Amino acid sequence: MDRQKTSWQTDLREIHLPRWSELPDIELYMDQLVTLVERYTAPFKVDQTGDSLLTSSMVNNYVKQKLIPAPQKKKYEKRHLARLIIITILKQAFDISIVQAGIKWQMETSDYRYAYDQFCTQMEDTIQLFLGAEDVVKFEIDVADLDFRPIQMATIALTSKLVTEKSLNILTHVENTQSKGEI
């Protein structure tokens, strides 16, 4: 159990979400887009079943729901990739309508590149805080900053859910293994 626990904690501690400047500048086809989003968001997957966090059908639905802009000539850009990374991560803790409202609000109130980078930084800092990293930047909730509070609260809620579910998966796996006499 300790090895499993340490493994997922290490995976989470080492998360680095690519910042806007690190995302590819080339246009991507659907399969490339889905592969990249899956790669970037893999550590956020609670169980290791074959289920994907993102599929081409999901992308098509997000276009229909106007969560992401329609591709140009079947090619997706950096802005699609960034938005899909956020959606794929947040949909694990929130209803898609909440994610959609948050994205819409963020797009109306700030530069999307800055907002994306802020989300990535906040997500990484929150994970470090929850896992007890020693080099965590001072973390406090700024209740006066209404513009930033939804991002902070979303990353806290998501990280709480992620750590809880990963912990329970390990504990229930160990309990099931012990009850079957496999240990």
N, C-alpha and C. Protein backbone atom coordinates (compact mmCIF):
# COMPACT_ATOMS: atom_id res chain seq x y z
N MET A 1 0.83 -1.19 0.00
CA MET A 1 0.00 0.00 0.00
C MET A 1 0.87 1.25 0.00
N ASP A 2 1.94 1.25 0.80
CA ASP A 2 2.77 2.44 0.87
C ASP A 2 3.39 2.78 -0.48
N ARG A 3 3.76 1.75 -1.25
CA ARG A 3 4.34 2.01 -2.56
C ARG A 3 3.31 2.62 -3.50
N GLN A 4 2.08 2.10 -3.48
CA GLN A 4 1.01 2.68 -4.31
C GLN A 4 0.74 4.11 -3.90
N LYS A 5 0.66 4.33 -2.59
CA LYS A 5 0.37 5.67 -2.07
C LYS A 5 1.47 6.64 -2.49
N THR A 6 2.70 6.23 -2.32
CA THR A 6 3.83 7.08 -2.68
C THR A 6 3.86 7.34 -4.18
N SER A 7 3.52 6.33 -4.97
CA SER A 7 3.57 6.47 -6.43
C SER A 7 2.61 7.54 -6.92
N TRP A 8 1.34 7.49 -6.52
CA TRP A 8 0.40 8.49 -7.02
C TRP A 8 0.69 9.86 -6.43
N GLN A 9 1.17 9.89 -5.19
CA GLN A 9 1.53 11.19 -4.61
C GLN A 9 2.70 11.81 -5.36
N THR A 10 3.67 10.98 -5.71
CA THR A 10 4.80 11.46 -6.50
C THR A 10 4.34 11.94 -7.86
N ASP A 11 3.47 11.16 -8.50
CA ASP A 11 2.93 11.58 -9.80
C ASP A 11 2.24 12.94 -9.70
N LEU A 12 1.43 13.12 -8.66
CA LEU A 12 0.74 14.40 -8.49
C LEU A 12 1.71 15.54 -8.19
N ARG A 13 2.69 15.26 -7.32
CA ARG A 13 3.67 16.32 -6.98
C ARG A 13 4.45 16.78 -8.21
N GLU A 14 4.65 15.87 -9.14
CA GLU A 14 5.45 16.19 -10.32
C GLU A 14 4.63 16.78 -11.46
N ILE A 15 3.35 17.00 -11.22
CA ILE A 15 2.51 17.57 -12.27
C ILE A 15 3.05 18.92 -12.70
N HIS A 16 3.15 19.04 -14.00
CA HIS A 16 3.44 20.35 -14.59
C HIS A 16 2.49 20.51 -15.77
N LEU A 17 1.54 21.38 -15.58
CA LEU A 17 0.65 21.69 -16.69
C LEU A 17 1.36 22.66 -17.61
N PRO A 18 1.35 22.40 -18.90
CA PRO A 18 2.07 23.30 -19.82
C PRO A 18 1.44 24.68 -19.82
N ARG A 19 2.30 25.68 -19.73
CA ARG A 19 1.81 27.06 -19.80
C ARG A 19 1.54 27.41 -21.26
N TRP A 20 0.89 28.51 -21.48
CA TRP A 20 0.51 28.94 -22.82
C TRP A 20 1.71 28.89 -23.76
N SER A 21 2.84 29.40 -23.32
CA SER A 21 4.03 29.46 -24.17
C SER A 21 4.62 28.08 -24.47
N GLU A 22 4.23 27.07 -23.69
CA GLU A 22 4.73 25.71 -23.89
C GLU A 22 3.82 24.86 -24.78
N LEU A 23 2.64 25.34 -25.05
CA LEU A 23 1.73 24.60 -25.92
C LEU A 23 2.22 24.69 -27.36
N PRO A 24 2.00 23.65 -28.15
CA PRO A 24 2.47 23.67 -29.54
C PRO A 24 1.81 24.79 -30.35
N ASP A 25 2.61 25.43 -31.18
CA ASP A 25 2.12 26.52 -32.03
C ASP A 25 1.54 26.01 -33.35
N ILE A 26 1.59 24.72 -33.55
CA ILE A 26 1.09 24.15 -34.81
C ILE A 26 -0.38 23.77 -34.68
N GLU A 27 -1.07 23.74 -35.79
CA GLU A 27 -2.47 23.30 -35.79
C GLU A 27 -2.50 21.78 -35.67
N LEU A 28 -3.51 21.29 -34.98
CA LEU A 28 -3.62 19.87 -34.70
C LEU A 28 -4.90 19.29 -35.27
N TYR A 29 -4.81 18.05 -35.71
CA TYR A 29 -6.02 17.31 -36.08
C TYR A 29 -6.62 16.71 -34.81
N MET A 30 -7.85 16.28 -34.91
CA MET A 30 -8.58 15.78 -33.75
C MET A 30 -7.80 14.73 -32.97
N ASP A 31 -7.27 13.70 -33.64
CA ASP A 31 -6.57 12.63 -32.92
C ASP A 31 -5.34 13.16 -32.20
N GLN A 32 -4.63 14.11 -32.79
CA GLN A 32 -3.47 14.71 -32.14
C GLN A 32 -3.89 15.52 -30.92
N LEU A 33 -4.97 16.25 -31.06
CA LEU A 33 -5.51 17.07 -29.98
C LEU A 33 -5.88 16.19 -28.78
N VAL A 34 -6.64 15.14 -29.04
CA VAL A 34 -7.08 14.24 -27.97
C VAL A 34 -5.88 13.59 -27.30
N THR A 35 -4.91 13.15 -28.08
CA THR A 35 -3.71 12.52 -27.52
C THR A 35 -2.96 13.47 -26.60
N LEU A 36 -2.78 14.71 -27.03
CA LEU A 36 -2.07 15.69 -26.20
C LEU A 36 -2.82 16.00 -24.91
N VAL A 37 -4.12 16.21 -25.01
CA VAL A 37 -4.90 16.51 -23.80
C VAL A 37 -4.83 15.33 -22.84
N GLU A 38 -4.95 14.12 -23.35
CA GLU A 38 -4.84 12.92 -22.51
C GLU A 38 -3.48 12.86 -21.82
N ARG A 39 -2.44 13.17 -22.54
CA ARG A 39 -1.09 13.14 -21.97
C ARG A 39 -0.95 14.18 -20.85
N TYR A 40 -1.41 15.39 -21.10
CA TYR A 40 -1.28 16.47 -20.11
C TYR A 40 -2.14 16.23 -18.88
N THR A 41 -3.27 15.57 -19.04
CA THR A 41 -4.20 15.42 -17.92
C THR A 41 -4.17 14.04 -17.28
N ALA A 42 -3.33 13.14 -17.74
CA ALA A 42 -3.28 11.77 -17.22
C ALA A 42 -3.13 11.70 -15.69
N PRO A 43 -2.30 12.53 -15.06
CA PRO A 43 -2.18 12.42 -13.60
C PRO A 43 -3.47 12.74 -12.84
N PHE A 44 -4.42 13.37 -13.51
CA PHE A 44 -5.68 13.72 -12.86
C PHE A 44 -6.70 12.58 -12.92
N LYS A 45 -6.34 11.51 -13.58
CA LYS A 45 -7.25 10.37 -13.71
C LYS A 45 -7.23 9.59 -12.39
N VAL A 46 -8.41 9.37 -11.82
CA VAL A 46 -8.49 8.72 -10.53
C VAL A 46 -8.19 7.23 -10.63
N ASP A 47 -8.87 6.54 -11.51
CA ASP A 47 -8.60 5.11 -11.67
C ASP A 47 -7.88 4.88 -12.99
N GLN A 48 -7.24 3.78 -13.08
CA GLN A 48 -6.43 3.51 -14.27
C GLN A 48 -7.14 2.57 -15.23
N THR A 49 -8.46 2.67 -15.30
CA THR A 49 -9.21 1.87 -16.26
C THR A 49 -8.91 2.39 -17.66
N GLY A 50 -9.41 1.69 -18.63
CA GLY A 50 -9.16 2.09 -20.01
C GLY A 50 -9.95 3.31 -20.45
N ASP A 51 -10.85 3.79 -19.60
CA ASP A 51 -11.68 4.94 -19.97
C ASP A 51 -10.82 6.18 -20.17
N SER A 52 -11.10 6.89 -21.24
CA SER A 52 -10.36 8.12 -21.54
C SER A 52 -11.02 9.31 -20.86
N LEU A 53 -10.20 10.28 -20.50
CA LEU A 53 -10.73 11.52 -19.96
C LEU A 53 -11.31 12.39 -21.07
N LEU A 54 -10.84 12.16 -22.30
CA LEU A 54 -11.33 12.94 -23.43
C LEU A 54 -11.37 12.05 -24.67
N THR A 55 -12.45 12.16 -25.41
CA THR A 55 -12.60 11.44 -26.67
C THR A 55 -12.98 12.43 -27.76
N SER A 56 -12.88 11.99 -29.00
CA SER A 56 -13.27 12.87 -30.11
C SER A 56 -14.76 13.21 -30.03
N SER A 57 -15.58 12.28 -29.57
CA SER A 57 -17.01 12.57 -29.39
C SER A 57 -17.23 13.69 -28.38
N MET A 58 -16.47 13.66 -27.30
CA MET A 58 -16.57 14.72 -26.30
C MET A 58 -16.19 16.06 -26.90
N VAL A 59 -15.11 16.07 -27.67
CA VAL A 59 -14.67 17.32 -28.31
C VAL A 59 -15.78 17.86 -29.20
N ASN A 60 -16.37 16.99 -30.01
CA ASN A 60 -17.47 17.41 -30.89
C ASN A 60 -18.64 17.97 -30.08
N ASN A 61 -18.95 17.34 -28.96
CA ASN A 61 -20.03 17.84 -28.11
C ASN A 61 -19.68 19.20 -27.51
N TYR A 62 -18.43 19.39 -27.13
CA TYR A 62 -18.01 20.67 -26.56
C TYR A 62 -18.11 21.78 -27.60
N VAL A 63 -17.85 21.44 -28.86
CA VAL A 63 -18.01 22.43 -29.94
C VAL A 63 -19.50 22.77 -30.07
N LYS A 64 -20.35 21.76 -30.08
CA LYS A 64 -21.80 21.99 -30.20
C LYS A 64 -22.34 22.82 -29.04
N GLN A 65 -21.80 22.58 -27.84
CA GLN A 65 -22.23 23.31 -26.65
C GLN A 65 -21.55 24.67 -26.52
N LYS A 66 -20.65 24.96 -27.46
CA LYS A 66 -19.91 26.22 -27.49
C LYS A 66 -18.95 26.39 -26.30
N LEU A 67 -18.49 25.27 -25.77
CA LEU A 67 -17.45 25.31 -24.75
C LEU A 67 -16.10 25.63 -25.39
N ILE A 68 -15.94 25.17 -26.61
CA ILE A 68 -14.74 25.52 -27.39
C ILE A 68 -15.21 26.00 -28.76
N PRO A 69 -14.40 26.86 -29.39
CA PRO A 69 -14.77 27.32 -30.73
C PRO A 69 -14.68 26.17 -31.74
N ALA A 70 -15.39 26.29 -32.81
CA ALA A 70 -15.32 25.28 -33.88
C ALA A 70 -13.92 25.31 -34.50
N PRO A 71 -13.42 24.15 -34.92
CA PRO A 71 -12.11 24.13 -35.58
C PRO A 71 -12.19 24.78 -36.96
N GLN A 72 -11.06 25.23 -37.44
CA GLN A 72 -10.97 25.79 -38.79
C GLN A 72 -10.40 24.72 -39.71
N LYS A 73 -11.17 24.30 -40.68
CA LYS A 73 -10.76 23.26 -41.63
C LYS A 73 -10.28 21.99 -40.91
N LYS A 74 -11.04 21.60 -39.87
CA LYS A 74 -10.77 20.40 -39.08
C LYS A 74 -9.45 20.47 -38.31
N LYS A 75 -8.93 21.67 -38.13
CA LYS A 75 -7.68 21.83 -37.37
C LYS A 75 -7.94 22.66 -36.12
N TYR A 76 -7.28 22.24 -35.06
CA TYR A 76 -7.44 22.88 -33.76
C TYR A 76 -6.17 23.66 -33.42
N GLU A 77 -6.36 24.76 -32.71
CA GLU A 77 -5.25 25.64 -32.36
C GLU A 77 -4.94 25.55 -30.87
N LYS A 78 -3.96 26.34 -30.48
CA LYS A 78 -3.52 26.44 -29.10
C LYS A 78 -4.68 26.75 -28.15
N ARG A 79 -5.55 27.65 -28.56
CA ARG A 79 -6.66 28.05 -27.68
C ARG A 79 -7.61 26.88 -27.45
N HIS A 80 -7.79 26.01 -28.44
CA HIS A 80 -8.61 24.82 -28.26
C HIS A 80 -7.95 23.88 -27.24
N LEU A 81 -6.66 23.68 -27.42
CA LEU A 81 -5.91 22.78 -26.55
C LEU A 81 -5.97 23.26 -25.10
N ALA A 82 -5.71 24.55 -24.89
CA ALA A 82 -5.73 25.10 -23.53
C ALA A 82 -7.11 24.93 -22.89
N ARG A 83 -8.12 25.27 -23.63
CA ARG A 83 -9.47 25.18 -23.07
C ARG A 83 -9.85 23.73 -22.78
N LEU A 84 -9.45 22.80 -23.65
CA LEU A 84 -9.76 21.39 -23.41
C LEU A 84 -9.00 20.83 -22.22
N ILE A 85 -7.81 21.31 -21.98
CA ILE A 85 -7.07 20.87 -20.78
C ILE A 85 -7.85 21.28 -19.54
N ILE A 86 -8.30 22.51 -19.50
CA ILE A 86 -9.07 23.00 -18.35
C ILE A 86 -10.38 22.23 -18.20
N ILE A 87 -11.10 22.07 -19.28
CA ILE A 87 -12.39 21.36 -19.23
C ILE A 87 -12.19 19.92 -18.75
N THR A 88 -11.20 19.24 -19.30
CA THR A 88 -10.95 17.84 -18.96
C THR A 88 -10.61 17.69 -17.48
N ILE A 89 -9.87 18.63 -16.94
CA ILE A 89 -9.53 18.58 -15.52
C ILE A 89 -10.74 18.91 -14.66
N LEU A 90 -11.40 20.02 -14.95
CA LEU A 90 -12.48 20.49 -14.09
C LEU A 90 -13.74 19.63 -14.14
N LYS A 91 -13.99 18.97 -15.27
CA LYS A 91 -15.23 18.19 -15.37
C LYS A 91 -15.24 17.00 -14.42
N GLN A 92 -14.10 16.69 -13.84
CA GLN A 92 -14.05 15.59 -12.88
C GLN A 92 -14.63 15.99 -11.52
N ALA A 93 -14.76 17.29 -11.29
CA ALA A 93 -15.30 17.76 -10.02
C ALA A 93 -16.57 18.58 -10.17
N PHE A 94 -16.84 19.05 -11.37
CA PHE A 94 -17.97 19.96 -11.58
C PHE A 94 -18.82 19.52 -12.76
N ASP A 95 -20.09 19.85 -12.68
CA ASP A 95 -20.99 19.65 -13.79
C ASP A 95 -20.50 20.51 -14.96
N ILE A 96 -20.66 20.02 -16.16
CA ILE A 96 -20.14 20.71 -17.34
C ILE A 96 -20.77 22.10 -17.49
N SER A 97 -21.98 22.29 -17.02
CA SER A 97 -22.61 23.62 -17.11
C SER A 97 -21.89 24.63 -16.22
N ILE A 98 -21.37 24.18 -15.09
CA ILE A 98 -20.60 25.06 -14.20
C ILE A 98 -19.27 25.40 -14.86
N VAL A 99 -18.63 24.41 -15.45
CA VAL A 99 -17.37 24.65 -16.16
C VAL A 99 -17.60 25.64 -17.30
N GLN A 100 -18.68 25.45 -18.03
CA GLN A 100 -19.01 26.34 -19.15
C GLN A 100 -19.22 27.78 -18.66
N ALA A 101 -19.95 27.95 -17.57
CA ALA A 101 -20.20 29.29 -17.03
C ALA A 101 -18.89 29.94 -16.58
N GLY A 102 -18.02 29.16 -15.96
CA GLY A 102 -16.73 29.69 -15.52
C GLY A 102 -15.86 30.12 -16.68
N ILE A 103 -15.83 29.33 -17.73
CA ILE A 103 -15.03 29.67 -18.91
C ILE A 103 -15.59 30.91 -19.58
N LYS A 104 -16.89 30.97 -19.71
CA LYS A 104 -17.53 32.13 -20.34
C LYS A 104 -17.20 33.40 -19.57
N TRP A 105 -17.33 33.34 -18.26
CA TRP A 105 -17.04 34.50 -17.42
C TRP A 105 -15.57 34.90 -17.56
N GLN A 106 -14.68 33.91 -17.52
CA GLN A 106 -13.25 34.19 -17.61
C GLN A 106 -12.89 34.83 -18.95
N MET A 107 -13.49 34.35 -20.01
CA MET A 107 -13.21 34.91 -21.34
C MET A 107 -13.70 36.35 -21.46
N GLU A 108 -14.74 36.67 -20.74
CA GLU A 108 -15.28 38.03 -20.80
C GLU A 108 -14.51 39.01 -19.93
N THR A 109 -13.82 38.52 -18.92
CA THR A 109 -13.20 39.42 -17.95
C THR A 109 -11.68 39.51 -18.03
N SER A 110 -11.03 38.60 -18.72
CA SER A 110 -9.57 38.68 -18.78
C SER A 110 -9.02 38.03 -20.04
N ASP A 111 -7.76 38.24 -20.25
CA ASP A 111 -7.06 37.65 -21.38
C ASP A 111 -7.01 36.13 -21.19
N TYR A 112 -7.43 35.37 -22.18
CA TYR A 112 -7.52 33.92 -22.03
C TYR A 112 -6.16 33.27 -21.82
N ARG A 113 -5.10 33.84 -22.39
CA ARG A 113 -3.76 33.27 -22.17
C ARG A 113 -3.36 33.41 -20.71
N TYR A 114 -3.58 34.60 -20.17
CA TYR A 114 -3.28 34.86 -18.76
C TYR A 114 -4.15 33.97 -17.86
N ALA A 115 -5.43 33.88 -18.17
CA ALA A 115 -6.35 33.07 -17.37
C ALA A 115 -5.92 31.60 -17.38
N TYR A 116 -5.50 31.10 -18.53
CA TYR A 116 -5.05 29.71 -18.63
C TYR A 116 -3.81 29.50 -17.76
N ASP A 117 -2.83 30.39 -17.88
CA ASP A 117 -1.61 30.26 -17.07
C ASP A 117 -1.92 30.35 -15.58
N GLN A 118 -2.84 31.23 -15.21
CA GLN A 118 -3.23 31.35 -13.80
C GLN A 118 -3.87 30.06 -13.29
N PHE A 119 -4.71 29.47 -14.11
CA PHE A 119 -5.33 28.20 -13.73
C PHE A 119 -4.25 27.14 -13.50
N CYS A 120 -3.31 27.03 -14.42
CA CYS A 120 -2.24 26.02 -14.30
C CYS A 120 -1.44 26.22 -13.02
N THR A 121 -1.04 27.45 -12.77
CA THR A 121 -0.26 27.76 -11.57
C THR A 121 -1.05 27.45 -10.31
N GLN A 122 -2.29 27.88 -10.28
CA GLN A 122 -3.14 27.65 -9.10
C GLN A 122 -3.37 26.15 -8.88
N MET A 123 -3.57 25.40 -9.95
CA MET A 123 -3.78 23.96 -9.83
C MET A 123 -2.55 23.29 -9.23
N GLU A 124 -1.38 23.62 -9.76
CA GLU A 124 -0.14 23.03 -9.26
C GLU A 124 0.12 23.42 -7.81
N ASP A 125 -0.08 24.69 -7.47
CA ASP A 125 0.15 25.15 -6.09
C ASP A 125 -0.81 24.46 -5.11
N THR A 126 -2.04 24.28 -5.51
CA THR A 126 -3.03 23.63 -4.64
C THR A 126 -2.65 22.17 -4.40
N ILE A 127 -2.22 21.49 -5.43
CA ILE A 127 -1.79 20.09 -5.27
C ILE A 127 -0.60 20.02 -4.32
N GLN A 128 0.37 20.90 -4.50
CA GLN A 128 1.54 20.90 -3.61
C GLN A 128 1.12 21.15 -2.16
N LEU A 129 0.20 22.07 -1.97
CA LEU A 129 -0.29 22.37 -0.63
C LEU A 129 -0.95 21.14 0.00
N PHE A 130 -1.81 20.47 -0.75
CA PHE A 130 -2.53 19.32 -0.23
C PHE A 130 -1.60 18.15 0.08
N LEU A 131 -0.55 18.01 -0.68
CA LEU A 131 0.35 16.88 -0.48
C LEU A 131 1.52 17.22 0.43
N GLY A 132 1.47 18.40 1.03
CA GLY A 132 2.47 18.75 2.04
C GLY A 132 3.85 19.03 1.50
N ALA A 133 3.95 19.56 0.30
CA ALA A 133 5.26 19.90 -0.25
C ALA A 133 5.89 20.99 0.60
N GLU A 134 7.20 20.91 0.76
CA GLU A 134 7.91 21.85 1.62
C GLU A 134 8.12 23.21 0.98
N ASP A 135 8.15 23.26 -0.33
CA ASP A 135 8.48 24.51 -1.00
C ASP A 135 7.25 25.20 -1.58
N VAL A 136 6.13 25.06 -0.90
CA VAL A 136 4.89 25.66 -1.39
C VAL A 136 4.94 27.17 -1.19
N VAL A 137 4.54 27.86 -2.22
CA VAL A 137 4.41 29.30 -2.13
C VAL A 137 3.29 29.59 -1.13
N LYS A 138 3.44 30.69 -0.40
CA LYS A 138 2.39 31.03 0.58
C LYS A 138 1.04 31.00 -0.11
N PHE A 139 0.13 30.30 0.50
CA PHE A 139 -1.18 30.06 -0.11
C PHE A 139 -2.24 30.60 0.83
N GLU A 140 -3.00 31.54 0.35
CA GLU A 140 -4.14 32.00 1.13
C GLU A 140 -5.28 32.34 0.19
N ILE A 141 -6.45 32.18 0.70
CA ILE A 141 -7.63 32.48 -0.10
C ILE A 141 -7.93 33.96 0.06
N ASP A 142 -7.96 34.64 -1.05
CA ASP A 142 -8.22 36.07 -1.04
C ASP A 142 -9.72 36.29 -1.26
N VAL A 143 -10.45 36.42 -0.16
CA VAL A 143 -11.90 36.57 -0.27
C VAL A 143 -12.30 37.90 -0.89
N ALA A 144 -11.38 38.86 -0.88
CA ALA A 144 -11.70 40.17 -1.46
C ALA A 144 -11.58 40.17 -2.98
N ASP A 145 -10.80 39.24 -3.52
CA ASP A 145 -10.57 39.20 -4.96
C ASP A 145 -11.59 38.28 -5.63
N LEU A 146 -12.74 38.83 -5.90
CA LEU A 146 -13.82 38.04 -6.49
C LEU A 146 -13.45 37.48 -7.86
N ASP A 147 -12.59 38.18 -8.61
CA ASP A 147 -12.19 37.71 -9.93
C ASP A 147 -11.38 36.42 -9.86
N PHE A 148 -10.58 36.27 -8.80
CA PHE A 148 -9.68 35.13 -8.70
C PHE A 148 -10.27 34.00 -7.84
N ARG A 149 -11.20 34.31 -7.00
CA ARG A 149 -11.76 33.33 -6.06
C ARG A 149 -12.33 32.09 -6.74
N PRO A 150 -13.08 32.20 -7.84
CA PRO A 150 -13.61 30.97 -8.46
C PRO A 150 -12.50 29.99 -8.88
N ILE A 151 -11.39 30.52 -9.39
CA ILE A 151 -10.28 29.63 -9.78
C ILE A 151 -9.70 28.96 -8.55
N GLN A 152 -9.49 29.73 -7.49
CA GLN A 152 -8.95 29.15 -6.26
C GLN A 152 -9.88 28.06 -5.72
N MET A 153 -11.15 28.37 -5.62
CA MET A 153 -12.10 27.42 -5.05
C MET A 153 -12.22 26.17 -5.93
N ALA A 154 -12.20 26.34 -7.23
CA ALA A 154 -12.29 25.20 -8.15
C ALA A 154 -11.10 24.27 -7.99
N THR A 155 -9.90 24.83 -7.89
CA THR A 155 -8.71 23.98 -7.75
C THR A 155 -8.67 23.30 -6.39
N ILE A 156 -9.16 23.97 -5.36
CA ILE A 156 -9.23 23.35 -4.03
C ILE A 156 -10.24 22.20 -4.05
N ALA A 157 -11.41 22.44 -4.61
CA ALA A 157 -12.44 21.39 -4.67
C ALA A 157 -11.95 20.19 -5.48
N LEU A 158 -11.36 20.46 -6.62
CA LEU A 158 -10.87 19.38 -7.48
C LEU A 158 -9.77 18.59 -6.79
N THR A 159 -8.82 19.28 -6.18
CA THR A 159 -7.72 18.60 -5.51
C THR A 159 -8.24 17.77 -4.33
N SER A 160 -9.18 18.31 -3.57
CA SER A 160 -9.78 17.56 -2.46
C SER A 160 -10.41 16.27 -2.97
N LYS A 161 -11.17 16.38 -4.03
CA LYS A 161 -11.84 15.22 -4.62
C LYS A 161 -10.82 14.21 -5.14
N LEU A 162 -9.82 14.69 -5.83
CA LEU A 162 -8.80 13.83 -6.42
C LEU A 162 -8.03 13.06 -5.34
N VAL A 163 -7.57 13.75 -4.31
CA VAL A 163 -6.81 13.11 -3.24
C VAL A 163 -7.70 12.12 -2.49
N THR A 164 -8.93 12.49 -2.23
CA THR A 164 -9.87 11.60 -1.54
C THR A 164 -10.10 10.33 -2.35
N GLU A 165 -10.41 10.47 -3.63
CA GLU A 165 -10.71 9.30 -4.45
C GLU A 165 -9.50 8.42 -4.66
N LYS A 166 -8.33 9.01 -4.88
CA LYS A 166 -7.13 8.19 -5.06
C LYS A 166 -6.82 7.43 -3.76
N SER A 167 -6.96 8.10 -2.62
CA SER A 167 -6.71 7.45 -1.33
C SER A 167 -7.68 6.30 -1.11
N LEU A 168 -8.96 6.55 -1.36
CA LEU A 168 -9.96 5.50 -1.17
C LEU A 168 -9.76 4.33 -2.13
N ASN A 169 -9.36 4.60 -3.36
CA ASN A 169 -9.07 3.52 -4.31
C ASN A 169 -7.98 2.61 -3.77
N ILE A 170 -6.94 3.20 -3.22
CA ILE A 170 -5.83 2.40 -2.69
C ILE A 170 -6.29 1.63 -1.46
N LEU A 171 -6.98 2.31 -0.55
CA LEU A 171 -7.44 1.65 0.67
C LEU A 171 -8.41 0.51 0.38
N THR A 172 -9.35 0.72 -0.51
CA THR A 172 -10.31 -0.35 -0.81
C THR A 172 -9.64 -1.49 -1.56
N HIS A 173 -8.65 -1.19 -2.38
CA HIS A 173 -7.91 -2.25 -3.07
C HIS A 173 -7.15 -3.10 -2.06
N VAL A 174 -6.51 -2.47 -1.09
CA VAL A 174 -5.76 -3.20 -0.06
C VAL A 174 -6.72 -4.03 0.78
N GLU A 175 -7.85 -3.45 1.17
CA GLU A 175 -8.83 -4.17 1.97
C GLU A 175 -9.37 -5.38 1.21
N ASN A 176 -9.69 -5.22 -0.05
CA ASN A 176 -10.18 -6.34 -0.87
C ASN A 176 -9.13 -7.42 -1.00
N THR A 177 -7.88 -7.02 -1.17
CA THR A 177 -6.79 -7.97 -1.31
C THR A 177 -6.59 -8.73 0.00
N GLN A 178 -6.65 -8.03 1.13
CA GLN A 178 -6.48 -8.67 2.43
C GLN A 178 -7.62 -9.64 2.72
N SER A 179 -8.84 -9.26 2.38
CA SER A 179 -9.99 -10.14 2.66
C SER A 179 -9.96 -11.41 1.81
N LYS A 180 -9.28 -11.35 0.68
CA LYS A 180 -9.16 -12.53 -0.18
C LYS A 180 -7.93 -13.35 0.19
N GLY A 181 -7.15 -12.86 1.18
CA GLY A 181 -5.97 -13.58 1.61
C GLY A 181 -4.81 -13.49 0.64
N GLU A 182 -4.79 -12.44 -0.17
CA GLU A 182 -3.75 -12.31 -1.18
C GLU A 182 -2.50 -11.62 -0.65
N ILE A 183 -2.56 -11.10 0.57
CA ILE A 183 -1.37 -10.41 1.10
C ILE A 183 -0.63 -11.33 2.02
